[in-house]
PDB file of N, CA and C in Angstrom:
ATOM      1  N   MET A   1     192.210 209.054 286.075  1.00  0.00           N
ATOM      2  CA  MET A   1     193.083 209.302 285.548  1.00  0.00           C
ATOM      3  C   MET A   1     194.517 208.355 285.826  1.00  0.00           C
ATOM      4  N   ASN A   2     195.196 208.142 284.841  1.00  0.00           N
ATOM      5  CA  ASN A   2     196.048 207.132 284.613  1.00  0.00           C
ATOM      6  C   ASN A   2     197.514 207.665 285.480  1.00  0.00           C
ATOM      7  N   ASP A   3     197.936 206.903 286.440  1.00  0.00           N
ATOM      8  CA  ASP A   3     199.248 207.518 287.217  1.00  0.00           C
ATOM      9  C   ASP A   3     200.312 207.010 286.642  1.00  0.00           C
ATOM     10  N   TRP A   4     200.254 206.103 285.822  1.00  0.00           N
ATOM     11  CA  TRP A   4     201.631 205.395 284.998  1.00  0.00           C
ATOM     12  C   TRP A   4     201.820 205.599 283.372  1.00  0.00           C
ATOM     13  N   ALA A   5     203.040 205.879 283.178  1.00  0.00           N
ATOM     14  CA  ALA A   5     203.252 206.141 281.856  1.00  0.00           C
ATOM     15  C   ALA A   5     204.413 205.307 281.354  1.00  0.00           C
ATOM     16  N   ASP A   6     204.318 205.185 279.929  1.00  0.00           N
ATOM     17  CA  ASP A   6     205.120 204.160 279.404  1.00  0.00           C
ATOM     18  C   ASP A   6     206.866 204.975 279.293  1.00  0.00           C
ATOM     19  N   GLU A   7     207.736 203.944 279.255  1.00  0.00           N
ATOM     20  CA  GLU A   7     208.874 204.199 279.193  1.00  0.00           C
ATOM     21  C   GLU A   7     209.666 205.765 278.609  1.00  0.00           C
ATOM     22  N   LYS A   8     208.933 205.660 277.435  1.00  0.00           N
ATOM     23  CA  LYS A   8     209.038 206.706 276.636  1.00  0.00           C
ATOM     24  C   LYS A   8     208.940 208.068 276.921  1.00  0.00           C
ATOM     25  N   THR A   9     207.869 207.903 277.220  1.00  0.00           N
ATOM     26  CA  THR A   9     206.789 209.638 277.804  1.00  0.00           C
ATOM     27  C   THR A   9     207.731 209.954 279.190  1.00  0.00           C
ATOM     28  N   TYR A  10     207.766 209.060 279.895  1.00  0.00           N
ATOM     29  CA  TYR A  10     208.576 209.171 281.043  1.00  0.00           C
ATOM     30  C   TYR A  10     209.923 209.606 280.850  1.00  0.00           C
ATOM     31  N   ALA A  11     210.612 209.035 280.043  1.00  0.00           N
ATOM     32  CA  ALA A  11     212.159 209.826 279.532  1.00  0.00           C
ATOM     33  C   ALA A  11     212.329 211.051 279.370  1.00  0.00           C
ATOM     34  N   GLU A  12     211.109 211.293 278.324  1.00  0.00           N
ATOM     35  CA  GLU A  12     210.916 212.617 277.721  1.00  0.00           C
ATOM     36  C   GLU A  12     210.846 213.666 278.864  1.00  0.00           C
ATOM     37  N   ALA A  13     210.179 213.245 279.822  1.00  0.00           N
ATOM     38  CA  ALA A  13     209.229 214.425 280.806  1.00  0.00           C
ATOM     39  C   ALA A  13     210.484 214.581 281.864  1.00  0.00           C
ATOM     40  N   LYS A  14     211.314 213.262 282.088  1.00  0.00           N
ATOM     41  CA  LYS A  14     212.448 213.741 283.210  1.00  0.00           C
ATOM     42  C   LYS A  14     214.101 214.059 282.392  1.00  0.00           C
ATOM     43  N   GLY A  15     214.052 213.991 281.036  1.00  0.00           N
ATOM     44  CA  GLY A  15     215.033 214.160 280.186  1.00  0.00           C
ATOM     45  C   GLY A  15     216.132 213.309 280.406  1.00  0.00           C
ATOM     46  N   LEU A  16     215.830 211.883 280.392  1.00  0.00           N
ATOM     47  CA  LEU A  16     216.844 211.093 280.677  1.00  0.00           C
ATOM     48  C   LEU A  16     216.733 210.239 279.362  1.00  0.00           C
ATOM     49  N   SER A  17     217.862 209.302 279.287  1.00  0.00           N
ATOM     50  CA  SER A  17     217.752 208.285 278.178  1.00  0.00           C
ATOM     51  C   SER A  17     217.400 206.910 278.616  1.00  0.00           C
ATOM     52  N   HIS A  18     216.900 205.616 277.877  1.00  0.00           N
ATOM     53  CA  HIS A  18     216.560 204.636 278.269  1.00  0.00           C
ATOM     54  C   HIS A  18     217.831 203.774 278.775  1.00  0.00           C
ATOM     55  N   SER A  19     219.048 203.975 278.334  1.00  0.00           N
ATOM     56  CA  SER A  19     220.118 203.155 279.429  1.00  0.00           C
ATOM     57  C   SER A  19     220.001 204.161 280.744  1.00  0.00           C
ATOM     58  N   THR A  20     220.028 205.523 281.075  1.00  0.00           N
ATOM     59  CA  THR A  20     219.885 205.931 282.341  1.00  0.00           C
ATOM     60  C   THR A  20     218.619 205.250 283.151  1.00  0.00           C
ATOM     61  N   LEU A  21     217.447 205.055 282.411  1.00  0.00           N
ATOM     62  CA  LEU A  21     216.672 204.592 283.371  1.00  0.00           C
ATOM     63  C   LEU A  21     216.719 203.224 283.735  1.00  0.00           C
ATOM     64  N   LYS A  22     217.478 202.261 283.052  1.00  0.00           N
ATOM     65  CA  LYS A  22     217.869 200.779 282.966  1.00  0.00           C
ATOM     66  C   LYS A  22     218.649 201.045 284.389  1.00  0.00           C
ATOM     67  N   ILE A  23     219.509 201.861 284.129  1.00  0.00           N
ATOM     68  CA  ILE A  23     220.650 201.844 285.351  1.00  0.00           C
ATOM     69  C   ILE A  23     220.001 202.084 286.752  1.00  0.00           C
ATOM     70  N   MET A  24     219.279 203.173 286.515  1.00  0.00           N
ATOM     71  CA  MET A  24     218.347 203.752 287.832  1.00  0.00           C
ATOM     72  C   MET A  24     217.680 202.360 288.470  1.00  0.00           C
ATOM     73  N   ARG A  25     217.001 201.765 287.672  1.00  0.00           N
ATOM     74  CA  ARG A  25     216.159 200.648 288.232  1.00  0.00           C
ATOM     75  C   ARG A  25     217.305 199.520 288.821  1.00  0.00           C
ATOM     76  N   GLU A  26     218.456 199.228 288.021  1.00  0.00           N
ATOM     77  CA  GLU A  26     219.160 198.244 288.688  1.00  0.00           C
ATOM     78  C   GLU A  26     219.871 198.532 290.016  1.00  0.00           C
ATOM     79  N   ASN A  27     220.324 199.841 290.127  1.00  0.00           N
ATOM     80  CA  ASN A  27     220.988 200.516 291.288  1.00  0.00           C
ATOM     81  C   ASN A  27     219.963 200.886 292.633  1.00  0.00           C
ATOM     82  N   GLY A  28     218.819 200.325 292.081  1.00  0.00           N
ATOM     83  CA  GLY A  28     217.787 200.671 293.201  1.00  0.00           C
ATOM     84  C   GLY A  28     217.363 202.113 293.457  1.00  0.00           C
ATOM     85  N   GLU A  29     217.805 203.202 292.434  1.00  0.00           N
ATOM     86  CA  GLU A  29     217.358 204.576 292.718  1.00  0.00           C
ATOM     87  C   GLU A  29     216.000 204.610 292.563  1.00  0.00           C
ATOM     88  N   LEU A  30     215.296 203.800 291.403  1.00  0.00           N
ATOM     89  CA  LEU A  30     213.884 203.492 291.254  1.00  0.00           C
ATOM     90  C   LEU A  30     213.439 202.262 291.897  1.00  0.00           C
ATOM     91  N   LYS A  31     212.558 202.087 292.736  1.00  0.00           N
ATOM     92  CA  LYS A  31     211.839 201.249 293.537  1.00  0.00           C
ATOM     93  C   LYS A  31     210.781 200.643 292.740  1.00  0.00           C
ATOM     94  N   GLU A  32     210.829 199.313 292.368  1.00  0.00           N
ATOM     95  CA  GLU A  32     210.135 198.459 291.551  1.00  0.00           C
ATOM     96  C   GLU A  32     208.551 198.518 292.733  1.00  0.00           C
ATOM     97  N   GLY A  33     207.826 198.735 292.066  1.00  0.00           N
ATOM     98  CA  GLY A  33     206.205 198.546 292.755  1.00  0.00           C
ATOM     99  C   GLY A  33     205.804 200.122 292.876  1.00  0.00           C
ATOM    100  N   GLU A  34     207.045 200.958 293.610  1.00  0.00           N
ATOM    101  CA  GLU A  34     206.451 202.440 293.715  1.00  0.00           C
ATOM    102  C   GLU A  34     206.637 203.369 292.585  1.00  0.00           C
ATOM    103  N   ASP A  35     208.012 203.049 291.933  1.00  0.00           N
ATOM    104  CA  ASP A  35     208.367 203.905 290.962  1.00  0.00           C
ATOM    105  C   ASP A  35     208.183 203.518 289.677  1.00  0.00           C
ATOM    106  N   TRP A  36     208.363 202.183 289.456  1.00  0.00           N
ATOM    107  CA  TRP A  36     207.928 201.498 288.181  1.00  0.00           C
ATOM    108  C   TRP A  36     207.726 199.880 288.587  1.00  0.00           C
ATOM    109  N   LYS A  37     206.856 199.453 287.431  1.00  0.00           N
ATOM    110  CA  LYS A  37     206.384 198.262 287.277  1.00  0.00           C
ATOM    111  C   LYS A  37     206.552 197.574 285.990  1.00  0.00           C
ATOM    112  N   ARG A  38     206.479 196.358 285.934  1.00  0.00           N
ATOM    113  CA  ARG A  38     205.758 195.445 284.500  1.00  0.00           C
ATOM    114  C   ARG A  38     204.461 195.697 284.170  1.00  0.00           C
ATOM    115  N   ASP A  39     204.163 196.167 283.001  1.00  0.00           N
ATOM    116  CA  ASP A  39     203.009 195.676 282.629  1.00  0.00           C
ATOM    117  C   ASP A  39     202.953 194.704 281.315  1.00  0.00           C
ATOM    118  N   GLY A  40     202.743 193.409 281.282  1.00  0.00           N
ATOM    119  CA  GLY A  40     203.270 192.554 280.383  1.00  0.00           C
ATOM    120  C   GLY A  40     204.429 192.589 279.964  1.00  0.00           C
ATOM    121  N   ARG A  41     204.836 192.864 278.878  1.00  0.00           N
ATOM    122  CA  ARG A  41     206.435 193.224 278.565  1.00  0.00           C
ATOM    123  C   ARG A  41     206.891 194.504 278.552  1.00  0.00           C
ATOM    124  N   LYS A  42     205.940 195.356 278.759  1.00  0.00           N
ATOM    125  CA  LYS A  42     206.605 196.685 278.892  1.00  0.00           C
ATOM    126  C   LYS A  42     206.937 197.208 280.420  1.00  0.00           C
ATOM    127  N   THR A  43     207.609 198.480 280.342  1.00  0.00           N
ATOM    128  CA  THR A  43     207.985 198.730 281.988  1.00  0.00           C
ATOM    129  C   THR A  43     207.311 199.770 281.692  1.00  0.00           C
ATOM    130  N   VAL A  44     206.397 200.186 282.791  1.00  0.00           N
ATOM    131  CA  VAL A  44     205.743 201.766 283.281  1.00  0.00           C
ATOM    132  C   VAL A  44     206.324 202.284 284.463  1.00  0.00           C
ATOM    133  N   TYR A  45     206.248 203.367 284.378  1.00  0.00           N
ATOM    134  CA  TYR A  45     206.748 204.366 285.547  1.00  0.00           C
ATOM    135  C   TYR A  45     205.593 205.140 286.053  1.00  0.00           C
ATOM    136  N   LYS A  46     205.800 205.359 287.307  1.00  0.00           N
ATOM    137  CA  LYS A  46     204.784 206.464 288.125  1.00  0.00           C
ATOM    138  C   LYS A  46     205.127 207.590 287.954  1.00  0.00           C
ATOM    139  N   LEU A  47     203.895 208.383 287.356  1.00  0.00           N
ATOM    140  CA  LEU A  47     204.296 209.733 286.931  1.00  0.00           C
ATOM    141  C   LEU A  47     203.930 210.751 288.432  1.00  0.00           C
ATOM    142  N   THR A  48     204.515 211.710 288.714  1.00  0.00           N
ATOM    143  CA  THR A  48     204.497 212.592 289.805  1.00  0.00           C
ATOM    144  C   THR A  48     204.090 213.705 289.443  1.00  0.00           C
ATOM    145  N   PRO A  49     203.213 214.453 290.296  1.00  0.00           N
ATOM    146  CA  PRO A  49     203.185 215.731 289.892  1.00  0.00           C
ATOM    147  C   PRO A  49     204.325 216.621 289.907  1.00  0.00           C
ATOM    148  N   PRO A  50     204.384 217.853 289.269  1.00  0.00           N
ATOM    149  CA  PRO A  50     205.663 218.589 288.993  1.00  0.00           C
ATOM    150  C   PRO A  50     206.239 219.117 290.370  1.00  0.00           C
ATOM    151  N   ASP A  51     205.509 219.473 291.378  1.00  0.00           N
ATOM    152  CA  ASP A  51     205.869 220.021 292.588  1.00  0.00           C
ATOM    153  C   ASP A  51     206.220 219.121 293.376  1.00  0.00           C
ATOM    154  N   GLU A  52     206.195 217.537 293.166  1.00  0.00           N
ATOM    155  CA  GLU A  52     206.561 216.458 293.936  1.00  0.00           C
ATOM    156  C   GLU A  52     208.035 215.997 293.431  1.00  0.00           C
ATOM    157  N   ILE A  53     208.238 216.164 291.921  1.00  0.00           N
ATOM    158  CA  ILE A  53     209.675 215.819 291.258  1.00  0.00           C
ATOM    159  C   ILE A  53     210.661 216.249 292.214  1.00  0.00           C
ATOM    160  N   LYS A  54     211.526 214.982 292.592  1.00  0.00           N
ATOM    161  CA  LYS A  54     212.619 215.328 293.450  1.00  0.00           C
ATOM    162  C   LYS A  54     213.816 215.147 292.340  1.00  0.00           C
ATOM    163  N   PRO A  55     215.097 215.567 292.502  1.00  0.00           N
ATOM    164  CA  PRO A  55     215.940 215.738 291.846  1.00  0.00           C
ATOM    165  C   PRO A  55     216.596 214.424 291.528  1.00  0.00           C
ATOM    166  N   VAL A  56     216.670 213.676 290.232  1.00  0.00           N
ATOM    167  CA  VAL A  56     217.142 212.594 290.152  1.00  0.00           C
ATOM    168  C   VAL A  56     218.426 212.079 290.687  1.00  0.00           C
ATOM    169  N   THR A  57     219.264 212.853 290.166  1.00  0.00           N
ATOM    170  CA  THR A  57     220.801 212.475 290.529  1.00  0.00           C
ATOM    171  C   THR A  57     221.645 213.540 290.134  1.00  0.00           C
ATOM    172  N   LYS A  58     222.910 213.606 290.328  1.00  0.00           N
ATOM    173  CA  LYS A  58     223.779 214.885 289.971  1.00  0.00           C
ATOM    174  C   LYS A  58     224.459 214.842 288.603  1.00  0.00           C
ATOM    175  N   LEU A  59     224.060 215.860 288.002  1.00  0.00           N
ATOM    176  CA  LEU A  59     224.744 216.109 286.516  1.00  0.00           C
ATOM    177  C   LEU A  59     225.899 216.815 286.404  1.00  0.00           C
ATOM    178  N   GLY A  60     226.708 216.613 285.575  1.00  0.00           N
ATOM    179  CA  GLY A  60     227.887 217.493 285.243  1.00  0.00           C
ATOM    180  C   GLY A  60     228.446 217.438 284.125  1.00  0.00           C
ATOM    181  N   GLU A  61     229.443 218.394 283.484  1.00  0.00           N
ATOM    182  CA  GLU A  61     230.225 218.367 282.262  1.00  0.00           C
ATOM    183  C   GLU A  61     231.316 217.764 282.446  1.00  0.00           C
ATOM    184  N   ALA A  62     232.230 217.098 281.810  1.00  0.00           N
ATOM    185  CA  ALA A  62     233.180 216.132 281.635  1.00  0.00           C
ATOM    186  C   ALA A  62     233.951 216.310 280.508  1.00  0.00           C
ATOM    187  N   VAL A  63     235.277 216.320 280.972  1.00  0.00           N
ATOM    188  CA  VAL A  63     236.390 216.697 279.881  1.00  0.00           C
ATOM    189  C   VAL A  63     237.128 215.625 279.899  1.00  0.00           C
ATOM    190  N   VAL A  64     237.458 215.046 278.659  1.00  0.00           N
ATOM    191  CA  VAL A  64     238.169 213.518 278.803  1.00  0.00           C
ATOM    192  C   VAL A  64     239.873 213.995 278.911  1.00  0.00           C
ATOM    193  N   VAL A  65     240.504 213.588 279.853  1.00  0.00           N
ATOM    194  CA  VAL A  65     241.772 213.581 280.282  1.00  0.00           C
ATOM    195  C   VAL A  65     242.579 212.326 279.396  1.00  0.00           C
ATOM    196  N   ARG A  66     242.167 211.138 279.397  1.00  0.00           N
ATOM    197  CA  ARG A  66     242.992 210.015 278.948  1.00  0.00           C
ATOM    198  C   ARG A  66     241.880 208.790 279.126  1.00  0.00           C
ATOM    199  N   ARG A  67     242.305 207.943 277.921  1.00  0.00           N
ATOM    200  CA  ARG A  67     241.421 206.602 278.262  1.00  0.00           C
ATOM    201  C   ARG A  67     242.195 205.664 279.403  1.00  0.00           C
ATOM    202  N   SER A  68     241.363 204.945 279.552  1.00  0.00           N
ATOM    203  CA  SER A  68     241.889 203.916 280.536  1.00  0.00           C
ATOM    204  C   SER A  68     242.068 202.412 280.092  1.00  0.00           C
ATOM    205  N   ALA A  69     243.102 201.688 280.641  1.00  0.00           N
ATOM    206  CA  ALA A  69     242.970 200.145 279.934  1.00  0.00           C
ATOM    207  C   ALA A  69     241.791 199.539 280.011  1.00  0.00           C
ATOM    208  N   ASN A  70     241.008 199.847 280.882  1.00  0.00           N
ATOM    209  CA  ASN A  70     239.534 199.007 280.771  1.00  0.00           C
ATOM    210  C   ASN A  70     238.769 199.747 279.469  1.00  0.00           C
ATOM    211  N   PRO A  71     238.471 199.022 278.796  1.00  0.00           N
ATOM    212  CA  PRO A  71     237.545 199.749 277.370  1.00  0.00           C
ATOM    213  C   PRO A  71     236.182 200.134 278.103  1.00  0.00           C
ATOM    214  N   MET A  72     235.784 200.219 279.196  1.00  0.00           N
ATOM    215  CA  MET A  72     234.394 200.638 279.611  1.00  0.00           C
ATOM    216  C   MET A  72     234.737 202.088 280.243  1.00  0.00           C
ATOM    217  N   ILE A  73     235.999 202.622 280.630  1.00  0.00           N
ATOM    218  CA  ILE A  73     236.322 203.617 281.573  1.00  0.00           C
ATOM    219  C   ILE A  73     237.222 204.602 280.764  1.00  0.00           C
ATOM    220  N   LEU A  74     236.772 206.086 281.113  1.00  0.00           N
ATOM    221  CA  LEU A  74     237.395 207.201 280.674  1.00  0.00           C
ATOM    222  C   LEU A  74     237.758 207.932 282.037  1.00  0.00           C
ATOM    223  N   VAL A  75     239.068 208.196 281.812  1.00  0.00           N
ATOM    224  CA  VAL A  75     239.598 209.316 283.181  1.00  0.00           C
ATOM    225  C   VAL A  75     239.250 210.478 282.623  1.00  0.00           C
ATOM    226  N   CYS A  76     238.563 211.353 283.297  1.00  0.00           N
ATOM    227  CA  CYS A  76     237.879 212.668 283.040  1.00  0.00           C
ATOM    228  C   CYS A  76     238.122 213.644 284.191  1.00  0.00           C
ATOM    229  N   GLU A  77     237.918 214.843 283.594  1.00  0.00           N
ATOM    230  CA  GLU A  77     237.552 215.987 284.472  1.00  0.00           C
ATOM    231  C   GLU A  77     236.531 216.614 284.716  1.00  0.00           C
ATOM    232  N   VAL A  78     235.618 216.400 286.069  1.00  0.00           N
ATOM    233  CA  VAL A  78     234.263 216.494 286.326  1.00  0.00           C
ATOM    234  C   VAL A  78     234.090 217.604 287.065  1.00  0.00           C
ATOM    235  N   GLY A  79     233.817 219.014 286.535  1.00  0.00           N
ATOM    236  CA  GLY A  79     233.510 220.283 287.712  1.00  0.00           C
ATOM    237  C   GLY A  79     234.656 220.357 288.576  1.00  0.00           C
ATOM    238  N   GLY A  80     236.153 220.536 287.787  1.00  0.00           N
ATOM    239  CA  GLY A  80     237.131 220.834 288.591  1.00  0.00           C
ATOM    240  C   GLY A  80     237.969 219.838 289.199  1.00  0.00           C
ATOM    241  N   ALA A  81     237.503 218.504 289.590  1.00  0.00           N
ATOM    242  CA  ALA A  81     237.797 217.507 290.000  1.00  0.00           C
ATOM    243  C   ALA A  81     238.547 216.572 289.001  1.00  0.00           C
ATOM    244  N   ILE A  82     239.836 216.125 289.109  1.00  0.00           N
ATOM    245  CA  ILE A  82     240.252 215.564 288.257  1.00  0.00           C
ATOM    246  C   ILE A  82     240.566 214.043 288.367  1.00  0.00           C
ATOM    247  N   ASN A  83     240.724 213.110 287.475  1.00  0.00           N
ATOM    248  CA  ASN A  83     240.868 211.779 287.933  1.00  0.00           C
ATOM    249  C   ASN A  83     239.540 211.156 288.169  1.00  0.00           C
ATOM    250  N   GLN A  84     238.387 211.367 287.629  1.00  0.00           N
ATOM    251  CA  GLN A  84     237.496 211.131 288.141  1.00  0.00           C
ATOM    252  C   GLN A  84     236.729 209.746 286.536  1.00  0.00           C
ATOM    253  N   ASN A  85     236.714 208.655 287.278  1.00  0.00           N
ATOM    254  CA  ASN A  85     236.197 207.666 286.081  1.00  0.00           C
ATOM    255  C   ASN A  85     234.691 207.603 285.718  1.00  0.00           C
ATOM    256  N   VAL A  86     234.529 207.878 284.485  1.00  0.00           N
ATOM    257  CA  VAL A  86     233.334 208.060 283.808  1.00  0.00           C
ATOM    258  C   VAL A  86     233.115 206.410 282.952  1.00  0.00           C
ATOM    259  N   ARG A  87     231.855 205.892 283.196  1.00  0.00           N
ATOM    260  CA  ARG A  87     231.623 204.618 282.529  1.00  0.00           C
ATOM    261  C   ARG A  87     231.059 205.024 281.290  1.00  0.00           C
ATOM    262  N   VAL A  88     231.583 204.335 280.213  1.00  0.00           N
ATOM    263  CA  VAL A  88     231.096 204.340 278.878  1.00  0.00           C
ATOM    264  C   VAL A  88     230.633 203.085 278.191  1.00  0.00           C
ATOM    265  N   LYS A  89     230.231 202.974 277.026  1.00  0.00           N
ATOM    266  CA  LYS A  89     230.236 201.807 276.272  1.00  0.00           C
ATOM    267  C   LYS A  89     231.411 201.139 275.686  1.00  0.00           C
ATOM    268  N   ASN A  90     232.126 202.047 275.139  1.00  0.00           N
ATOM    269  CA  ASN A  90     233.468 201.782 274.341  1.00  0.00           C
ATOM    270  C   ASN A  90     234.114 202.965 274.219  1.00  0.00           C
ATOM    271  N   ASN A  91     235.755 202.846 274.931  1.00  0.00           N
ATOM    272  CA  ASN A  91     236.289 204.169 274.740  1.00  0.00           C
ATOM    273  C   ASN A  91     237.182 204.371 273.618  1.00  0.00           C
ATOM    274  N   SER A  92     237.049 203.495 272.735  1.00  0.00           N
ATOM    275  CA  SER A  92     237.920 203.486 271.885  1.00  0.00           C
ATOM    276  C   SER A  92     237.718 204.972 271.029  1.00  0.00           C
ATOM    277  N   LYS A  93     236.628 205.516 270.646  1.00  0.00           N
ATOM    278  CA  LYS A  93     236.473 206.650 269.963  1.00  0.00           C
ATOM    279  C   LYS A  93     236.544 207.951 270.546  1.00  0.00           C
ATOM    280  N   PHE A  94     237.161 207.992 271.906  1.00  0.00           N
ATOM    281  CA  PHE A  94     237.003 209.174 272.751  1.00  0.00           C
ATOM    282  C   PHE A  94     238.443 209.584 272.883  1.00  0.00           C
ATOM    283  N   ILE A  95     238.656 211.058 272.573  1.00  0.00           N
ATOM    284  CA  ILE A  95     240.179 211.501 272.766  1.00  0.00           C
ATOM    285  C   ILE A  95     240.033 212.446 273.694  1.00  0.00           C
ATOM    286  N   PRO A  96     241.341 213.209 274.240  1.00  0.00           N
ATOM    287  CA  PRO A  96     241.530 213.738 275.363  1.00  0.00           C
ATOM    288  C   PRO A  96     240.888 215.380 274.682  1.00  0.00           C
ATOM    289  N   GLY A  97     240.447 215.868 275.712  1.00  0.00           N
ATOM    290  CA  GLY A  97     239.750 217.070 275.195  1.00  0.00           C
ATOM    291  C   GLY A  97     238.345 217.282 275.028  1.00  0.00           C
ATOM    292  N   MET A  98     237.774 216.084 274.895  1.00  0.00           N
ATOM    293  CA  MET A  98     236.254 215.901 274.182  1.00  0.00           C
ATOM    294  C   MET A  98     235.580 216.211 275.236  1.00  0.00           C
ATOM    295  N   THR A  99     234.333 216.908 275.171  1.00  0.00           N
ATOM    296  CA  THR A  99     233.550 217.161 276.421  1.00  0.00           C
ATOM    297  C   THR A  99     232.149 216.574 276.418  1.00  0.00           C
ATOM    298  N   MET A 100     231.456 216.234 277.426  1.00  0.00           N
ATOM    299  CA  MET A 100     230.333 215.258 277.631  1.00  0.00           C
ATOM    300  C   MET A 100     229.774 215.742 278.551  1.00  0.00           C
ATOM    301  N   ARG A 101     228.230 215.154 278.675  1.00  0.00           N
ATOM    302  CA  ARG A 101     227.253 215.440 279.789  1.00  0.00           C
ATOM    303  C   ARG A 101     227.323 213.887 280.641  1.00  0.00           C
ATOM    304  N   VAL A 102     227.590 213.993 281.913  1.00  0.00           N
ATOM    305  CA  VAL A 102     227.730 212.950 282.903  1.00  0.00           C
ATOM    306  C   VAL A 102     226.649 212.933 283.984  1.00  0.00           C
ATOM    307  N   ARG A 103     226.193 211.556 284.482  1.00  0.00           N
ATOM    308  CA  ARG A 103     225.671 211.680 285.585  1.00  0.00           C
ATOM    309  C   ARG A 103     226.220 211.074 286.526  1.00  0.00           C
ATOM    310  N   LYS A 104     226.281 211.477 288.022  1.00  0.00           N
ATOM    311  CA  LYS A 104     226.738 210.346 288.956  1.00  0.00           C
ATOM    312  C   LYS A 104     225.687 209.297 289.364  1.00  0.00           C
ATOM    313  N   MET A 105     226.836 208.153 289.568  1.00  0.00           N
ATOM    314  CA  MET A 105     226.020 207.137 290.011  1.00  0.00           C
ATOM    315  C   MET A 105     225.739 207.038 291.458  1.00  0.00           C
ATOM    316  N   GLN A 106     224.467 206.888 291.713  1.00  0.00           N
ATOM    317  CA  GLN A 106     224.343 206.798 293.365  1.00  0.00           C
ATOM    318  C   GLN A 106     225.329 205.936 294.109  1.00  0.00           C
ATOM    319  N   ASP A 107     225.939 205.776 295.174  1.00  0.00           N
ATOM    320  CA  ASP A 107     226.082 204.828 295.730  1.00  0.00           C
ATOM    321  C   ASP A 107     227.552 204.257 295.363  1.00  0.00           C
ATOM    322  N   SER A 108     228.121 205.239 294.419  1.00  0.00           N
ATOM    323  CA  SER A 108     229.462 204.839 293.727  1.00  0.00           C
ATOM    324  C   SER A 108     230.230 205.964 293.261  1.00  0.00           C
ATOM    325  N   ASN A 109     231.370 206.031 293.300  1.00  0.00           N
ATOM    326  CA  ASN A 109     232.220 206.949 292.821  1.00  0.00           C
ATOM    327  C   ASN A 109     232.587 207.235 290.938  1.00  0.00           C
ATOM    328  N   LEU A 110     231.633 206.367 290.618  1.00  0.00           N
ATOM    329  CA  LEU A 110     231.546 206.368 289.160  1.00  0.00           C
ATOM    330  C   LEU A 110     230.740 207.385 288.494  1.00  0.00           C
ATOM    331  N   TRP A 111     230.954 207.960 287.266  1.00  0.00           N
ATOM    332  CA  TRP A 111     230.026 208.720 286.520  1.00  0.00           C
ATOM    333  C   TRP A 111     229.571 207.927 285.536  1.00  0.00           C
ATOM    334  N   HIS A 112     228.115 208.288 285.166  1.00  0.00           N
ATOM    335  CA  HIS A 112     227.937 207.484 283.816  1.00  0.00           C
ATOM    336  C   HIS A 112     227.700 208.445 282.780  1.00  0.00           C
ATOM    337  N   TYR A 113     228.033 208.044 281.374  1.00  0.00           N
ATOM    338  CA  TYR A 113     228.027 208.960 280.434  1.00  0.00           C
ATOM    339  C   TYR A 113     226.514 209.087 279.673  1.00  0.00           C
ATOM    340  N   GLU A 114     225.835 210.280 279.567  1.00  0.00           N
ATOM    341  CA  GLU A 114     224.677 210.383 278.932  1.00  0.00           C
ATOM    342  C   GLU A 114     224.760 210.427 277.417  1.00  0.00           C
ATOM    343  N   GLY A 115     224.197 209.778 276.877  1.00  0.00           N
ATOM    344  CA  GLY A 115     224.291 209.822 275.322  1.00  0.00           C
ATOM    345  C   GLY A 115     225.174 208.603 274.407  1.00  0.00           C
ATOM    346  N   GLN A 116     225.041 209.010 273.121  1.00  0.00           N
ATOM    347  CA  GLN A 116     225.623 207.877 272.363  1.00  0.00           C
ATOM    348  C   GLN A 116     227.263 208.030 272.094  1.00  0.00           C
ATOM    349  N   CYS A 117     227.785 206.925 272.034  1.00  0.00           N
ATOM    350  CA  CYS A 117     229.391 207.062 271.732  1.00  0.00           C
ATOM    351  C   CYS A 117     229.349 207.739 270.383  1.00  0.00           C
ATOM    352  N   PRO A 118     230.718 208.419 270.149  1.00  0.00           N
ATOM    353  CA  PRO A 118     231.223 208.931 268.720  1.00  0.00           C
ATOM    354  C   PRO A 118     231.132 207.980 268.009  1.00  0.00           C
ATOM    355  N   ARG A 119     230.988 208.333 266.553  1.00  0.00           N
ATOM    356  CA  ARG A 119     231.006 207.208 265.423  1.00  0.00           C
ATOM    357  C   ARG A 119     232.267 207.163 264.987  1.00  0.00           C
ATOM    358  N   PHE A 120     233.067 208.495 264.921  1.00  0.00           N
ATOM    359  CA  PHE A 120     234.298 208.659 264.389  1.00  0.00           C
ATOM    360  C   PHE A 120     234.856 209.073 265.554  1.00  0.00           C
ATOM    361  N   MET A 121     236.410 208.639 265.367  1.00  0.00           N
ATOM    362  CA  MET A 121     237.462 208.926 266.509  1.00  0.00           C
ATOM    363  C   MET A 121     237.385 210.920 266.661  1.00  0.00           C
ATOM    364  N   GLY A 122     236.916 211.113 267.715  1.00  0.00           N
ATOM    365  CA  GLY A 122     237.075 212.572 268.210  1.00  0.00           C
ATOM    366  C   GLY A 122     236.038 213.139 267.582  1.00  0.00           C
ATOM    367  N   ARG A 123     234.988 212.718 266.961  1.00  0.00           N
ATOM    368  CA  ARG A 123     233.882 213.443 266.484  1.00  0.00           C
ATOM    369  C   ARG A 123     232.820 213.037 266.991  1.00  0.00           C
ATOM    370  N   TRP A 124     231.639 213.921 267.440  1.00  0.00           N
ATOM    371  CA  TRP A 124     230.209 213.618 267.532  1.00  0.00           C
ATOM    372  C   TRP A 124     229.554 213.379 266.228  1.00  0.00           C
TER     373      TRP A 124
END
């Protein structure tokens, strides 16, 4: 039995995106050798039985309050807590009132946006 899966299969099983997996590797949430490894040019991940799956990170719903001067940060309300910083690729298309799914970054006060940025101002 093969205990390792490619990135696409693993991401679908966990419900995460490629960029989230990359950030989790860089932050140390996933340990090299234990949770993931390189197989040539591909990155493969260790599959765990469903009863041993630990919760990855804290997920939440965020509502945009305003854009920050930093183009990669939005100021949002997450779960009733106001003025929470959410990291995005580019905040130029976000407007106040938009809702989005976010993930708490480990060992940080930042949240990470899950998904693609809007293509048009204020529209998904």
